[in-house]
Amino acid sequence: MDTAILPSTFLLTLLLLVGLFFFIRAATKDRTETAQLISEQEEAVLMPQLQDYFRSRSYRVAAVDRDQNQVTFEGFVQPSLFLAIFLTLLATVGLICLSFVLSLLLPNISSFFLGIILLAPLSGVFYWKKAGRTEKVLLHLQKANQDEPNSPGKITVTAHRDELIELQKALNLKLSD
């Protein structure tokens, strides 16, 4: 085998593993965003709908600030079993590739490199421990136009980006310009 191919293959394999490492770490990253949403409904109708929506998603009211017209919801977000298994499989494939390249580079101790594959489940454990956390949703309700009593309400929501998408779909809210 050409001696220049193995070191370059090893380098490419290491680069792919670095990418895999950052992909696994990014799976646990907090993706909290703030969005301003507009509702065609009045505050008296919208607020109970928001409470029912968050209650159905296993959130509870953590704090209410009536002066600022602001509500904070809290809820525990379960990690995804599918994603934990998927990340473990990706890590397994990556470590198999690394052990294969290392066994080609150092054939004398190639049996040792198969043990590297046993580290793959650590990626699933890492994800499972980091992804399960308490999430907060901050709602700030205000009138778009204070002078008109039936004007659409404007809601500033700070939450996980997936939660914002689901909230928009469930309550037919539009993004503010």
C-alpha atoms as a PDB file:
ATOM      1  CA  MET A   1       0.000   0.000   0.000  1.00  0.00           C
ATOM      2  CA  ASP A   2       1.221   3.515  -0.763  1.00  0.00           C
ATOM      3  CA  THR A   3       2.753   5.072   2.355  1.00  0.00           C
ATOM      4  CA  ALA A   4       1.307   8.535   1.599  1.00  0.00           C
ATOM      5  CA  ILE A   5      -2.268   7.278   1.506  1.00  0.00           C
ATOM      6  CA  LEU A   6      -2.461   6.016   5.099  1.00  0.00           C
ATOM      7  CA  PRO A   7      -1.404   9.250   6.850  1.00  0.00           C
ATOM      8  CA  SER A   8      -3.766  11.319   4.699  1.00  0.00           C
ATOM      9  CA  THR A   9      -6.588   8.840   5.340  1.00  0.00           C
ATOM     10  CA  PHE A  10      -5.828   9.058   9.055  1.00  0.00           C
ATOM     11  CA  LEU A  11      -5.924  12.871   8.897  1.00  0.00           C
ATOM     12  CA  LEU A  12      -9.261  12.858   7.062  1.00  0.00           C
ATOM     13  CA  THR A  13     -10.687  10.356   9.549  1.00  0.00           C
ATOM     14  CA  LEU A  14      -9.606  12.582  12.448  1.00  0.00           C
ATOM     15  CA  LEU A  15     -11.230  15.602  10.790  1.00  0.00           C
ATOM     16  CA  LEU A  16     -14.464  13.670  10.366  1.00  0.00           C
ATOM     17  CA  LEU A  17     -14.341  12.639  14.029  1.00  0.00           C
ATOM     18  CA  VAL A  18     -13.879  16.265  15.074  1.00  0.00           C
ATOM     19  CA  GLY A  19     -17.006  17.116  13.074  1.00  0.00           C
ATOM     20  CA  LEU A  20     -18.843  14.218  14.701  1.00  0.00           C
ATOM     21  CA  PHE A  21     -17.771  15.422  18.151  1.00  0.00           C
ATOM     22  CA  PHE A  22     -19.159  18.900  17.496  1.00  0.00           C
ATOM     23  CA  PHE A  23     -22.353  17.429  16.011  1.00  0.00           C
ATOM     24  CA  ILE A  24     -22.928  15.372  19.177  1.00  0.00           C
ATOM     25  CA  ARG A  25     -22.213  18.397  21.359  1.00  0.00           C
ATOM     26  CA  ALA A  26     -24.553  20.605  19.293  1.00  0.00           C
ATOM     27  CA  ALA A  27     -27.413  18.142  19.863  1.00  0.00           C
ATOM     28  CA  THR A  28     -27.559  19.352  23.480  1.00  0.00           C
ATOM     29  CA  LYS A  29     -27.218  23.072  22.738  1.00  0.00           C
ATOM     30  CA  ASP A  30     -29.820  25.468  24.100  1.00  0.00           C
ATOM     31  CA  ARG A  31     -31.717  27.013  21.200  1.00  0.00           C
ATOM     32  CA  THR A  32     -33.708  29.691  22.985  1.00  0.00           C
ATOM     33  CA  GLU A  33     -35.030  32.462  20.758  1.00  0.00           C
ATOM     34  CA  THR A  34     -37.282  35.476  21.130  1.00  0.00           C
ATOM     35  CA  ALA A  35     -40.098  36.097  18.683  1.00  0.00           C
ATOM     36  CA  GLN A  36     -42.827  38.687  18.458  1.00  0.00           C
ATOM     37  CA  LEU A  37     -46.114  37.130  17.453  1.00  0.00           C
ATOM     38  CA  ILE A  38     -49.397  38.782  16.548  1.00  0.00           C
ATOM     39  CA  SER A  39     -52.801  37.395  17.419  1.00  0.00           C
ATOM     40  CA  GLU A  40     -56.104  38.484  15.946  1.00  0.00           C
ATOM     41  CA  GLN A  41     -57.813  37.623  19.244  1.00  0.00           C
ATOM     42  CA  GLU A  42     -58.282  39.836  22.255  1.00  0.00           C
ATOM     43  CA  GLU A  43     -56.200  39.364  25.384  1.00  0.00           C
ATOM     44  CA  ALA A  44     -59.139  37.971  27.354  1.00  0.00           C
ATOM     45  CA  VAL A  45     -59.540  35.150  24.819  1.00  0.00           C
ATOM     46  CA  LEU A  46     -55.859  34.636  24.028  1.00  0.00           C
ATOM     47  CA  MET A  47     -54.508  34.303  27.567  1.00  0.00           C
ATOM     48  CA  PRO A  48     -56.584  31.219  28.512  1.00  0.00           C
ATOM     49  CA  GLN A  49     -55.657  29.633  25.170  1.00  0.00           C
ATOM     50  CA  LEU A  50     -51.981  30.208  25.889  1.00  0.00           C
ATOM     51  CA  GLN A  51     -52.335  28.714  29.368  1.00  0.00           C
ATOM     52  CA  ASP A  52     -54.178  25.667  28.009  1.00  0.00           C
ATOM     53  CA  TYR A  53     -51.575  25.226  25.274  1.00  0.00           C
ATOM     54  CA  PHE A  54     -48.644  25.270  27.701  1.00  0.00           C
ATOM     55  CA  ARG A  55     -50.474  23.095  30.224  1.00  0.00           C
ATOM     56  CA  SER A  56     -51.087  20.504  27.485  1.00  0.00           C
ATOM     57  CA  ARG A  57     -47.324  20.601  26.731  1.00  0.00           C
ATOM     58  CA  SER A  58     -46.553  19.832  30.428  1.00  0.00           C
ATOM     59  CA  TYR A  59     -45.491  23.341  31.386  1.00  0.00           C
ATOM     60  CA  ARG A  60     -46.579  24.985  34.611  1.00  0.00           C
ATOM     61  CA  VAL A  61     -46.863  28.650  35.556  1.00  0.00           C
ATOM     62  CA  ALA A  62     -43.676  29.576  37.415  1.00  0.00           C
ATOM     63  CA  ALA A  63     -44.171  33.337  37.807  1.00  0.00           C
ATOM     64  CA  VAL A  64     -46.689  36.044  36.955  1.00  0.00           C
ATOM     65  CA  ASP A  65     -45.807  39.730  36.747  1.00  0.00           C
ATOM     66  CA  ARG A  66     -49.096  41.606  36.397  1.00  0.00           C
ATOM     67  CA  ASP A  67     -47.421  45.019  36.213  1.00  0.00           C
ATOM     68  CA  GLN A  68     -45.485  44.013  33.096  1.00  0.00           C
ATOM     69  CA  ASN A  69     -48.214  41.660  31.818  1.00  0.00           C
ATOM     70  CA  GLN A  70     -45.683  38.844  31.767  1.00  0.00           C
ATOM     71  CA  VAL A  71     -45.961  35.119  32.537  1.00  0.00           C
ATOM     72  CA  THR A  72     -43.138  32.601  32.942  1.00  0.00           C
ATOM     73  CA  PHE A  73     -43.810  28.921  32.292  1.00  0.00           C
ATOM     74  CA  GLU A  74     -41.484  26.054  33.234  1.00  0.00           C
ATOM     75  CA  GLY A  75     -41.393  22.505  31.999  1.00  0.00           C
ATOM     76  CA  PHE A  76     -38.984  19.585  31.810  1.00  0.00           C
ATOM     77  CA  VAL A  77     -37.941  18.646  28.284  1.00  0.00           C
ATOM     78  CA  GLN A  78     -37.335  14.926  27.848  1.00  0.00           C
ATOM     79  CA  PRO A  79     -34.358  13.868  25.758  1.00  0.00           C
ATOM     80  CA  SER A  80     -35.164  12.016  22.554  1.00  0.00           C
ATOM     81  CA  LEU A  81     -34.535   8.261  22.684  1.00  0.00           C
ATOM     82  CA  PHE A  82     -34.293   8.199  18.888  1.00  0.00           C
ATOM     83  CA  LEU A  83     -31.618  10.900  18.892  1.00  0.00           C
ATOM     84  CA  ALA A  84     -29.649   9.165  21.655  1.00  0.00           C
ATOM     85  CA  ILE A  85     -29.624   5.924  19.639  1.00  0.00           C
ATOM     86  CA  PHE A  86     -28.826   7.791  16.417  1.00  0.00           C
ATOM     87  CA  LEU A  87     -25.876   9.623  17.999  1.00  0.00           C
ATOM     88  CA  THR A  88     -24.584   6.343  19.434  1.00  0.00           C
ATOM     89  CA  LEU A  89     -24.779   4.727  15.994  1.00  0.00           C
ATOM     90  CA  LEU A  90     -22.952   7.661  14.407  1.00  0.00           C
ATOM     91  CA  ALA A  91     -20.246   7.493  17.054  1.00  0.00           C
ATOM     92  CA  THR A  92     -19.966   3.728  16.518  1.00  0.00           C
ATOM     93  CA  VAL A  93     -19.442   4.148  12.774  1.00  0.00           C
ATOM     94  CA  GLY A  94     -16.915   6.934  13.330  1.00  0.00           C
ATOM     95  CA  LEU A  95     -14.956   4.928  15.876  1.00  0.00           C
ATOM     96  CA  ILE A  96     -15.015   1.824  13.662  1.00  0.00           C
ATOM     97  CA  CYS A  97     -13.488   3.906  10.877  1.00  0.00           C
ATOM     98  CA  LEU A  98     -10.863   5.299  13.251  1.00  0.00           C
ATOM     99  CA  SER A  99      -9.960   1.861  14.588  1.00  0.00           C
ATOM    100  CA  PHE A 100      -9.718   0.495  11.046  1.00  0.00           C
ATOM    101  CA  VAL A 101      -7.368   3.287   9.924  1.00  0.00           C
ATOM    102  CA  LEU A 102      -5.272   2.961  13.094  1.00  0.00           C
ATOM    103  CA  SER A 103      -4.997  -0.803  12.641  1.00  0.00           C
ATOM    104  CA  LEU A 104      -3.705  -0.211   9.097  1.00  0.00           C
ATOM    105  CA  LEU A 105      -1.177   2.328  10.364  1.00  0.00           C
ATOM    106  CA  LEU A 106      -0.049   0.239  13.352  1.00  0.00           C
ATOM    107  CA  PRO A 107      -0.748  -3.418  12.529  1.00  0.00           C
ATOM    108  CA  ASN A 108       1.244  -4.701  15.524  1.00  0.00           C
ATOM    109  CA  ILE A 109      -1.329  -3.451  18.019  1.00  0.00           C
ATOM    110  CA  SER A 110      -4.433  -3.575  15.833  1.00  0.00           C
ATOM    111  CA  SER A 111      -6.459  -5.636  18.326  1.00  0.00           C
ATOM    112  CA  PHE A 112      -6.182  -2.796  20.844  1.00  0.00           C
ATOM    113  CA  PHE A 113      -7.932  -0.397  18.466  1.00  0.00           C
ATOM    114  CA  LEU A 114     -11.109  -2.477  18.372  1.00  0.00           C
ATOM    115  CA  GLY A 115     -11.595  -1.522  22.025  1.00  0.00           C
ATOM    116  CA  ILE A 116     -12.045   2.101  20.944  1.00  0.00           C
ATOM    117  CA  ILE A 117     -15.492   1.146  19.648  1.00  0.00           C
ATOM    118  CA  LEU A 118     -16.599   0.533  23.240  1.00  0.00           C
ATOM    119  CA  LEU A 119     -16.498   4.311  23.772  1.00  0.00           C
ATOM    120  CA  ALA A 120     -19.406   4.868  21.339  1.00  0.00           C
ATOM    121  CA  PRO A 121     -22.229   4.527  23.918  1.00  0.00           C
ATOM    122  CA  LEU A 122     -20.717   7.464  25.801  1.00  0.00           C
ATOM    123  CA  SER A 123     -22.095   9.771  23.103  1.00  0.00           C
ATOM    124  CA  GLY A 124     -25.651   8.600  23.803  1.00  0.00           C
ATOM    125  CA  VAL A 125     -25.117   8.935  27.553  1.00  0.00           C
ATOM    126  CA  PHE A 126     -23.650  12.423  27.079  1.00  0.00           C
ATOM    127  CA  TYR A 127     -26.662  13.487  25.022  1.00  0.00           C
ATOM    128  CA  TRP A 128     -29.150  11.925  27.455  1.00  0.00           C
ATOM    129  CA  LYS A 129     -27.682  13.714  30.468  1.00  0.00           C
ATOM    130  CA  LYS A 130     -27.302  17.115  28.802  1.00  0.00           C
ATOM    131  CA  ALA A 131     -30.523  17.231  26.745  1.00  0.00           C
ATOM    132  CA  GLY A 132     -32.949  16.575  29.604  1.00  0.00           C
ATOM    133  CA  ARG A 133     -33.392  19.953  31.264  1.00  0.00           C
ATOM    134  CA  THR A 134     -35.940  22.407  32.575  1.00  0.00           C
ATOM    135  CA  GLU A 135     -36.990  24.899  29.910  1.00  0.00           C
ATOM    136  CA  LYS A 136     -38.498  28.303  30.562  1.00  0.00           C
ATOM    137  CA  VAL A 137     -40.965  30.105  28.345  1.00  0.00           C
ATOM    138  CA  LEU A 138     -41.397  33.822  28.898  1.00  0.00           C
ATOM    139  CA  LEU A 139     -44.592  35.458  27.578  1.00  0.00           C
ATOM    140  CA  HIS A 140     -45.050  39.204  27.454  1.00  0.00           C
ATOM    141  CA  LEU A 141     -48.504  40.220  26.225  1.00  0.00           C
ATOM    142  CA  GLN A 142     -49.159  43.741  24.955  1.00  0.00           C
ATOM    143  CA  LYS A 143     -51.669  45.530  22.778  1.00  0.00           C
ATOM    144  CA  ALA A 144     -50.477  46.367  19.284  1.00  0.00           C
ATOM    145  CA  ASN A 145     -52.521  49.571  19.444  1.00  0.00           C
ATOM    146  CA  GLN A 146     -53.459  50.848  22.908  1.00  0.00           C
ATOM    147  CA  ASP A 147     -56.207  53.192  21.602  1.00  0.00           C
ATOM    148  CA  GLU A 148     -58.341  50.521  19.937  1.00  0.00           C
ATOM    149  CA  PRO A 149     -59.982  48.064  22.337  1.00  0.00           C
ATOM    150  CA  ASN A 150     -60.329  45.278  19.713  1.00  0.00           C
ATOM    151  CA  SER A 151     -56.869  45.629  18.198  1.00  0.00           C
ATOM    152  CA  PRO A 152     -54.790  42.481  17.721  1.00  0.00           C
ATOM    153  CA  GLY A 153     -52.538  41.496  20.580  1.00  0.00           C
ATOM    154  CA  LYS A 154     -48.781  41.366  20.308  1.00  0.00           C
ATOM    155  CA  ILE A 155     -46.953  38.634  22.216  1.00  0.00           C
ATOM    156  CA  THR A 156     -43.231  38.537  22.843  1.00  0.00           C
ATOM    157  CA  VAL A 157     -42.256  34.921  23.481  1.00  0.00           C
ATOM    158  CA  THR A 158     -38.850  33.718  24.608  1.00  0.00           C
ATOM    159  CA  ALA A 159     -38.645  29.940  24.247  1.00  0.00           C
ATOM    160  CA  HIS A 160     -36.927  27.067  22.466  1.00  0.00           C
ATOM    161  CA  ARG A 161     -37.196  27.554  18.711  1.00  0.00           C
ATOM    162  CA  ASP A 162     -39.176  24.309  18.266  1.00  0.00           C
ATOM    163  CA  GLU A 163     -41.637  25.458  20.921  1.00  0.00           C
ATOM    164  CA  LEU A 164     -42.092  28.764  19.082  1.00  0.00           C
ATOM    165  CA  ILE A 165     -42.913  26.933  15.858  1.00  0.00           C
ATOM    166  CA  GLU A 166     -45.450  24.660  17.597  1.00  0.00           C
ATOM    167  CA  LEU A 167     -47.051  27.627  19.377  1.00  0.00           C
ATOM    168  CA  GLN A 168     -47.488  29.475  16.073  1.00  0.00           C
ATOM    169  CA  LYS A 169     -49.127  26.444  14.475  1.00  0.00           C
ATOM    170  CA  ALA A 170     -51.393  25.600  17.401  1.00  0.00           C
ATOM    171  CA  LEU A 171     -52.792  29.103  17.974  1.00  0.00           C
ATOM    172  CA  ASN A 172     -52.564  30.536  14.433  1.00  0.00           C
ATOM    173  CA  LEU A 173     -50.132  33.279  15.421  1.00  0.00           C
ATOM    174  CA  LYS A 174     -48.284  35.354  12.862  1.00  0.00           C
ATOM    175  CA  LEU A 175     -44.720  36.646  13.132  1.00  0.00           C
ATOM    176  CA  SER A 176     -44.500  40.390  13.669  1.00  0.00           C
ATOM    177  CA  ASP A 177     -42.617  42.367  11.020  1.00  0.00           C
END
